[in-house]
Protein backbone atom coordinates (compact mmCIF):
# COMPACT_ATOMS: atom_id res chain seq x y z
CA MET A 1 -0.13 -0.19 0.08
CA LYS A 2 1.94 3.43 -0.81
CA LYS A 3 0.22 5.39 1.73
CA ALA A 4 2.40 8.39 0.82
CA TYR A 5 -0.16 8.86 -2.04
CA VAL A 6 -3.05 7.60 -0.80
CA ASP A 7 -2.88 10.46 2.26
CA LYS A 8 -1.79 12.70 -0.92
CA LEU A 9 -5.97 11.87 -2.95
CA VAL A 10 -7.27 12.45 0.56
CA SER A 11 -5.88 15.98 0.18
CA LEU A 12 -6.64 16.49 -3.26
CA MET A 13 -9.95 14.77 -2.99
CA GLU A 14 -10.58 17.68 0.09
CA LYS A 15 -10.15 20.50 -3.15
CA ASP A 16 -12.71 18.77 -5.16
CA GLY A 17 -15.28 18.32 -2.36
CA LEU A 18 -15.02 14.57 -3.12
CA ASP A 19 -16.69 11.90 0.04
CA ALA A 20 -14.99 9.19 -1.42
CA LEU A 21 -12.80 8.02 -3.83
CA LEU A 22 -13.54 4.61 -6.26
CA VAL A 23 -11.04 2.72 -8.27
CA CYS A 24 -11.29 -0.24 -9.60
CA PRO A 25 -8.88 -3.13 -11.30
CA SER A 26 -6.74 -1.17 -13.39
CA GLU A 27 -3.07 0.09 -13.83
CA GLU A 28 -4.12 2.95 -10.92
CA MET A 29 -5.25 0.21 -8.89
CA LYS A 30 -2.19 -2.07 -8.98
CA PHE A 31 0.29 1.37 -7.95
CA LEU A 32 -2.07 2.41 -5.08
CA ILE A 33 -1.95 -0.64 -3.64
CA GLY A 34 0.50 -3.18 -5.09
CA PHE A 35 -1.97 -5.55 -6.64
CA THR A 36 -4.57 -5.40 -9.52
CA THR A 37 -7.09 -8.52 -10.32
CA THR A 38 -9.30 -9.78 -13.04
CA MET A 39 -12.39 -7.87 -14.33
CA CYS A 40 -15.67 -9.10 -14.45
CA GLU A 41 -19.42 -8.06 -14.26
CA ARG A 42 -19.56 -8.44 -10.73
CA PHE A 43 -18.81 -5.13 -8.84
CA GLN A 44 -16.00 -4.19 -7.50
CA GLY A 45 -13.32 -1.86 -6.43
CA PHE A 46 -11.09 -0.16 -3.76
CA PHE A 47 -12.69 3.08 -2.18
CA ILE A 48 -10.52 5.47 -0.23
CA LYS A 49 -13.11 7.95 1.55
CA SER A 50 -12.08 11.49 2.79
CA ASP A 51 -11.49 10.73 6.65
CA GLY A 52 -8.29 8.90 5.34
CA SER A 53 -9.98 5.43 5.67
CA TYR A 54 -9.81 2.82 2.85
CA PHE A 55 -11.21 -0.49 2.21
CA TYR A 56 -12.18 -2.93 -0.93
CA LEU A 57 -15.43 -4.00 -1.79
CA CYS A 58 -15.90 -7.31 -3.74
CA ASN A 59 -17.88 -10.55 -4.55
CA LEU A 60 -17.45 -13.32 -2.06
CA ILE A 61 -15.36 -14.76 -5.53
CA TYR A 62 -12.19 -12.34 -4.79
CA THR A 63 -12.13 -12.07 -0.51
CA GLY A 64 -9.99 -15.27 -0.66
CA GLU A 65 -7.86 -13.25 -2.98
CA PHE A 66 -7.29 -10.29 -1.54
CA GLU A 67 -6.66 -11.26 2.12
CA HIS A 68 -4.47 -14.04 0.84
CA VAL A 69 -2.38 -11.21 -0.59
CA PHE A 70 -2.52 -8.31 2.16
CA GLY A 71 -3.22 -9.30 5.48
CA ASP A 72 -4.71 -5.66 6.93
CA LEU A 73 -6.94 -4.59 4.00
CA ARG A 74 -10.67 -4.38 5.27
CA ILE A 75 -12.43 -6.15 3.28
CA VAL A 76 -16.24 -6.08 3.08
CA SER A 77 -17.89 -8.58 0.36
CA TRP A 78 -21.06 -9.45 -0.87
CA PHE A 79 -23.22 -12.93 -2.60
CA ASP A 80 -23.64 -14.23 -6.11
CA GLY A 81 -27.34 -14.98 -4.74
CA GLU A 82 -27.84 -11.40 -4.25
CA PHE A 83 -29.22 -8.56 -6.18
CA MET A 84 -25.89 -6.37 -6.84
CA THR A 85 -26.91 -2.76 -6.91
CA ASP A 86 -29.28 -3.94 -4.06
CA ALA A 87 -26.27 -5.34 -2.01
CA VAL A 88 -23.51 -3.19 -3.13
CA CYS A 89 -25.77 0.17 -2.15
CA LYS A 90 -26.47 -1.73 1.23
CA LEU A 91 -22.18 -1.83 1.56
CA LEU A 92 -22.19 1.74 0.78
CA ASP A 93 -25.18 2.71 3.61
CA ALA A 94 -22.90 0.99 5.96
CA GLU A 95 -20.21 3.21 4.83
CA GLY A 96 -21.42 6.02 5.61
CA LEU A 97 -21.64 6.84 1.18
CA LEU A 98 -25.64 6.98 -0.41
CA GLY A 99 -26.29 10.32 -1.03
CA LYS A 100 -22.67 11.19 -1.76
CA LYS A 101 -20.29 12.67 -4.15
CA ILE A 102 -17.79 9.97 -5.11
CA GLY A 103 -14.85 10.02 -7.71
CA VAL A 104 -14.38 7.41 -10.30
CA ASN A 105 -11.30 6.34 -12.23
CA SER A 106 -11.00 5.50 -16.20
CA SER A 107 -11.74 1.63 -15.20
CA VAL A 108 -15.10 2.03 -13.55
CA PRO A 109 -17.78 0.58 -16.42
CA ALA A 110 -21.29 2.52 -17.35
CA PHE A 111 -23.04 0.13 -16.05
CA TRP A 112 -22.03 0.06 -12.54
CA ILE A 113 -22.28 3.43 -12.75
CA VAL A 114 -25.90 4.42 -13.87
CA GLU A 115 -27.39 1.21 -11.67
CA LEU A 116 -25.72 2.59 -8.57
CA ALA A 117 -26.92 6.00 -8.92
CA GLU A 118 -30.78 5.64 -9.80
CA LYS A 119 -30.38 3.68 -6.75
CA SER A 120 -28.55 5.45 -3.96
CA GLY A 121 -28.46 9.23 -4.63
CA ILE A 122 -24.75 8.94 -5.10
CA THR A 123 -23.25 11.50 -7.50
CA PHE A 124 -19.92 9.39 -9.15
CA VAL A 125 -17.47 11.92 -11.06
CA ASN A 126 -14.67 11.86 -13.01
CA ALA A 127 -11.77 11.55 -10.85
CA ARG A 128 -9.05 10.66 -13.46
CA PRO A 129 -7.38 13.97 -14.24
CA LEU A 130 -7.40 14.20 -9.47
CA LEU A 131 -5.64 10.47 -10.01
CA GLU A 132 -3.26 11.61 -12.93
CA GLU A 133 -2.47 14.84 -10.53
CA MET A 134 -1.26 12.42 -7.62
CA ARG A 135 1.79 10.98 -9.60
CA ILE A 136 2.19 13.22 -12.56
CA ILE A 137 5.41 15.13 -10.67
CA LYS A 138 8.27 11.81 -10.80
CA THR A 139 10.26 11.12 -7.74
CA ALA A 140 13.73 10.69 -8.35
CA GLU A 141 13.97 7.14 -8.32
CA GLU A 142 11.20 6.67 -11.15
CA LEU A 143 13.17 8.73 -13.24
CA ASP A 144 16.22 6.33 -13.06
CA ASN A 145 13.64 3.87 -14.06
CA LEU A 146 11.85 5.31 -16.49
CA ARG A 147 15.89 6.03 -18.13
CA GLN A 148 16.15 2.19 -17.68
CA SER A 149 12.94 0.97 -19.60
CA ALA A 150 13.67 3.83 -22.44
CA ALA A 151 17.95 1.81 -22.57
CA ILE A 152 15.90 -1.55 -22.56
CA ALA A 153 13.81 0.20 -25.50
CA ASP A 154 16.68 1.26 -27.39
CA ASN A 155 18.93 -1.66 -26.86
CA ALA A 156 16.23 -3.83 -28.53
CA PHE A 157 15.77 -1.48 -31.54
CA HIS A 158 19.36 -1.82 -32.44
CA ALA A 159 19.20 -5.45 -31.78
CA THR A 160 16.82 -5.60 -34.38
CA LEU A 161 17.46 -4.08 -37.06
CA GLY A 162 20.65 -6.60 -37.11
CA PHE A 163 17.49 -9.14 -37.62
CA MET A 164 15.09 -7.57 -39.96
CA LYS A 165 15.73 -8.41 -43.62
CA PRO A 166 12.65 -8.00 -46.85
CA GLY A 167 10.11 -10.62 -46.91
CA MET A 168 9.38 -11.19 -42.89
CA THR A 169 6.17 -10.43 -41.60
CA GLU A 170 5.49 -7.63 -39.85
CA GLY A 171 4.42 -9.73 -36.59
CA GLU A 172 7.75 -11.71 -37.14
CA VAL A 173 9.68 -8.63 -36.36
CA LYS A 174 7.32 -7.46 -33.62
CA GLU A 175 8.02 -11.23 -31.56
CA PHE A 176 11.71 -10.46 -32.24
CA LEU A 177 11.84 -7.43 -30.27
CA PHE A 178 9.14 -8.37 -27.92
CA ALA A 179 12.49 -11.36 -27.23
CA GLU A 180 14.98 -8.85 -26.86
CA MET A 181 13.64 -6.14 -24.15
CA THR A 182 12.15 -9.37 -22.62
CA LYS A 183 15.12 -10.47 -23.01
CA GLN A 184 16.99 -7.58 -21.20
CA GLY A 185 14.58 -7.24 -17.94
CA GLY A 186 11.34 -5.77 -20.17
CA VAL A 187 8.04 -6.48 -19.16
CA ASN A 188 5.23 -5.94 -20.89
CA PRO A 189 6.73 -5.29 -24.10
CA TRP A 190 4.53 -3.80 -26.23
CA ALA A 191 4.77 -2.89 -29.94
CA ILE A 192 3.14 -1.10 -33.95
CA VAL A 193 5.40 -2.44 -36.64
CA GLY A 194 3.61 -1.23 -39.59
CA ALA A 195 5.52 -2.13 -43.71
CA GLY A 196 4.68 0.10 -46.28
CA PRO A 197 0.82 1.29 -46.35
CA ASN A 198 0.73 0.93 -42.92
CA SER A 199 2.53 3.55 -41.47
CA SER A 200 0.52 6.18 -42.16
CA PHE A 201 -1.62 4.43 -39.65
CA PRO A 202 -0.61 6.62 -35.82
CA HIS A 203 -2.19 3.31 -33.76
CA TYR A 204 -1.66 0.39 -36.40
CA ARG A 205 -2.44 -3.12 -34.92
CA GLY A 206 -1.69 -5.66 -37.89
CA GLY A 207 1.21 -8.30 -38.67
CA ALA A 208 0.86 -9.92 -41.37
CA GLY A 209 2.23 -7.37 -43.70
CA VAL A 210 4.77 -8.55 -45.45
CA ILE A 211 8.25 -6.02 -45.80
CA GLY A 212 9.48 -5.23 -49.11
CA ASN A 213 12.75 -4.31 -50.72
CA PRO A 214 12.48 -1.74 -50.82
CA ASP A 215 10.16 -0.18 -47.75
CA VAL A 216 9.34 2.30 -45.22
CA VAL A 217 8.38 0.58 -41.94
CA LEU A 218 6.83 2.90 -38.64
CA PHE A 219 8.64 1.51 -35.23
CA ASP A 220 6.49 2.02 -31.99
CA TRP A 221 7.33 0.36 -29.29
CA GLY A 222 8.04 0.42 -25.45
CA CYS A 223 8.40 -2.12 -22.13
CA SER A 224 8.25 -1.56 -18.15
CA TYR A 225 10.83 -1.80 -16.08
CA ASN A 226 10.32 -1.78 -12.02
CA ASP A 227 6.58 -0.40 -13.63
CA MET A 228 7.66 2.97 -15.26
CA CYS A 229 6.69 2.58 -19.57
CA SER A 230 8.77 3.46 -22.40
CA ASP A 231 7.72 4.93 -25.73
CA CYS A 232 10.03 5.54 -28.73
CA SER A 233 8.79 5.78 -32.39
CA ARG A 234 11.34 5.59 -35.42
CA MET A 235 11.52 5.18 -39.59
CA VAL A 236 13.27 2.19 -41.14
CA PHE A 237 13.83 2.30 -44.74
CA VAL A 238 14.42 -0.62 -46.34
CA GLY A 239 16.92 0.17 -49.11
CA GLU A 240 17.27 3.73 -50.67
CA PRO A 241 14.26 5.63 -50.25
CA THR A 242 12.69 8.02 -52.34
CA GLU A 243 13.40 11.59 -52.40
CA GLU A 244 9.18 12.12 -50.87
CA GLN A 245 10.44 9.90 -48.13
CA ARG A 246 13.66 11.62 -47.47
CA LYS A 247 11.98 15.18 -47.69
CA VAL A 248 9.17 13.64 -45.05
CA TYR A 249 11.59 12.18 -42.56
CA ASP A 250 13.59 15.49 -42.41
CA ILE A 251 10.20 17.45 -41.53
CA CYS A 252 9.33 15.33 -38.95
CA ARG A 253 13.43 15.00 -38.02
CA ARG A 254 13.27 18.87 -37.28
CA SER A 255 9.58 18.77 -35.98
CA THR A 256 10.61 16.89 -32.93
CA GLU A 257 13.53 18.46 -32.29
CA ALA A 258 12.06 21.52 -32.48
CA GLY A 259 8.66 20.54 -29.87
CA GLU A 260 11.95 19.39 -27.68
CA GLU A 261 13.58 22.28 -28.29
CA ALA A 262 11.03 24.55 -26.61
CA CYS A 263 10.88 21.71 -23.62
CA PHE A 264 12.12 23.15 -20.45
CA GLU A 265 11.15 24.47 -16.78
CA GLY A 266 8.18 26.65 -16.79
CA ALA A 267 7.61 26.06 -20.47
CA PHE A 268 3.69 26.87 -21.41
CA ILE A 269 2.65 23.54 -22.84
CA PRO A 270 0.61 25.04 -26.42
CA ASP A 271 3.57 26.89 -26.58
CA ILE A 272 5.51 23.26 -27.20
CA ASP A 273 2.57 22.26 -28.84
CA LYS A 274 2.75 25.33 -31.58
CA ALA A 275 6.97 24.81 -32.10
CA SER A 276 6.74 21.59 -33.60
CA ARG A 277 3.45 21.98 -35.72
CA ALA A 278 5.36 25.20 -36.91
CA VAL A 279 7.82 22.70 -39.15
CA ILE A 280 5.07 20.93 -40.56
CA ASP A 281 2.46 23.62 -41.54
CA ALA A 282 5.34 25.47 -43.36
CA GLU A 283 5.77 22.63 -44.76
CA GLY A 284 2.12 22.41 -46.38
CA TYR A 285 1.56 19.08 -44.45
CA SER A 286 -0.55 20.03 -41.45
CA ASP A 287 -3.31 18.38 -42.56
CA ALA A 288 -1.38 15.02 -42.53
CA PHE A 289 -0.46 16.22 -38.04
CA PHE A 290 -3.73 15.01 -37.24
CA THR A 291 -2.46 14.07 -33.80
CA ARG A 292 -1.43 15.52 -30.11
CA LEU A 293 1.95 16.58 -29.78
CA GLY A 294 2.69 13.94 -27.03
CA HIS A 295 1.65 12.43 -23.75
CA GLY A 296 3.19 11.93 -20.18
CA ILE A 297 5.00 8.64 -19.41
CA GLY A 298 5.26 6.95 -16.23
CA TYR A 299 3.30 3.79 -14.54
CA MET A 300 0.83 4.04 -17.89
CA GLY A 301 1.97 4.66 -21.02
CA HIS A 302 -0.45 7.56 -21.58
CA GLU A 303 -1.58 9.95 -18.67
CA ALA A 304 -0.70 13.29 -17.44
CA PRO A 305 0.32 15.81 -19.16
CA ASP A 306 -0.69 16.08 -22.70
CA ILE A 307 1.10 17.70 -25.22
CA LYS A 308 -1.40 19.94 -26.73
CA THR A 309 -2.42 22.88 -27.23
CA SER A 310 -5.70 22.87 -25.22
CA ASN A 311 -3.36 22.29 -21.90
CA PRO A 312 -2.74 25.59 -20.72
CA ARG A 313 0.17 24.48 -17.92
CA LYS A 314 3.73 24.86 -17.12
CA LEU A 315 6.10 22.24 -17.06
CA GLU A 316 7.41 21.23 -13.70
CA LYS A 317 10.69 19.54 -12.50
CA GLY A 318 9.67 15.78 -12.09
CA MET A 319 7.37 15.43 -14.92
CA SER A 320 8.16 13.20 -18.33
CA PHE A 321 5.98 12.71 -21.28
CA THR A 322 6.99 12.01 -24.80
CA VAL A 323 6.93 14.14 -28.31
CA GLU A 324 5.74 12.95 -30.89
CA PRO A 325 4.95 14.74 -34.47
CA GLY A 326 4.03 12.42 -37.38
CA ILE A 327 2.87 13.00 -41.08
CA ASN A 328 0.59 10.56 -42.32
CA LEU A 329 -0.29 10.19 -45.84
CA LEU A 330 -2.95 7.77 -45.33
CA GLY A 331 -2.79 4.91 -47.62
CA ARG A 332 0.40 5.49 -48.26
CA PHE A 333 2.65 6.16 -46.08
CA GLY A 334 3.48 7.86 -42.50
CA MET A 335 6.39 9.28 -40.54
CA ARG A 336 7.00 10.00 -36.90
CA VAL A 337 10.07 10.29 -34.51
CA GLU A 338 9.46 10.36 -30.96
CA ASP A 339 10.91 10.41 -27.85
CA VAL A 340 10.33 10.42 -23.73
CA VAL A 341 10.83 13.60 -22.85
CA ALA A 342 11.99 14.12 -18.39
CA ILE A 343 12.35 17.57 -16.89
CA THR A 344 14.89 17.00 -14.36
CA GLU A 345 16.61 18.61 -11.70
CA ASN A 346 20.02 19.21 -14.16
CA GLY A 347 17.03 20.46 -16.99
CA THR A 348 16.24 18.60 -20.10
CA GLU A 349 16.78 15.31 -20.62
CA ILE A 350 16.09 12.98 -23.73
CA LEU A 351 15.63 9.41 -22.51
CA ASN A 352 16.07 7.94 -25.63
CA LYS A 353 19.11 7.75 -27.21
CA VAL A 354 18.67 6.33 -30.49
CA THR A 355 19.83 8.69 -33.09
CA HIS A 356 17.48 10.76 -35.31
CA ASP A 357 19.31 10.56 -38.32
CA ILE A 358 17.98 8.52 -40.94
CA ILE A 359 18.29 4.99 -40.59
CA ILE A 360 18.44 2.86 -44.07
CA ILE A 361 19.34 -0.74 -44.12
């Protein structure tokens, strides 16, 4: 149990006028209590009350597991033979929470909330921003783990460059990349490997595409190390790129570097987006850059702060996030150069060390 973070949440809850917070199985729950479990249709979740007390509410099917994992976590349970909404309302009534204002995290199923709100008089509100604020500033240890996670991703990519050949499928390359990250101590590896037209889809999830010669291949990949995530994107050209591909890659590279140069303690986040986007806009590709510039990263791959024009916030020491402008010419090819950036005691640090120079194999 991360008691210091629970206490911080209680303080944030007071500012937002919340009587309690509900965190369902998720990375957020794992962060707070060191454990998460299978999510199903049965109501369950970790409740933190405004007085600083907390408990876990679940069906009896999960009670034994939680009692095994935790010796000191108070658990209140309900039985499948009961109507779920009635049973949960009864338990929340005993906790003094009926008719109160409760914040929920992003993994709480909507059908639970709709039914409970109708029967209990509870007002449920979005508490994702509050949970993000809890850990938006990384500790020195967390920054070290982010560095190591980035190094694992970098090294695995270098190994994959020596493995990839024309004729391989995207999936074969992805599996090799996963194995390399795992071999070096990374966990939960993930990747996008998109060849040719597939590189133009920012969140492409296929794997059947075959790498040609010549070809352009998008890599977007990462893993976790001590629960801290990495995220990097690079382009790999098989054979000589066309003149247009070289031009678009150079624009993306310059856009990334312009964004990173605009990152420093106290920088206004919309100005970072503007600096990066201006490079692409000036070359006439503004319509092909239709994503935000970046996202926060830490215990989750996507967390606060978002790096975009609509986030009127300044960078603070301890924040970590990506800078990843892209030009996506849908159905033809896409380009993206992405790094994780951290604002540290020593200034701005780019955690990924893979070259920004064009990569040709």
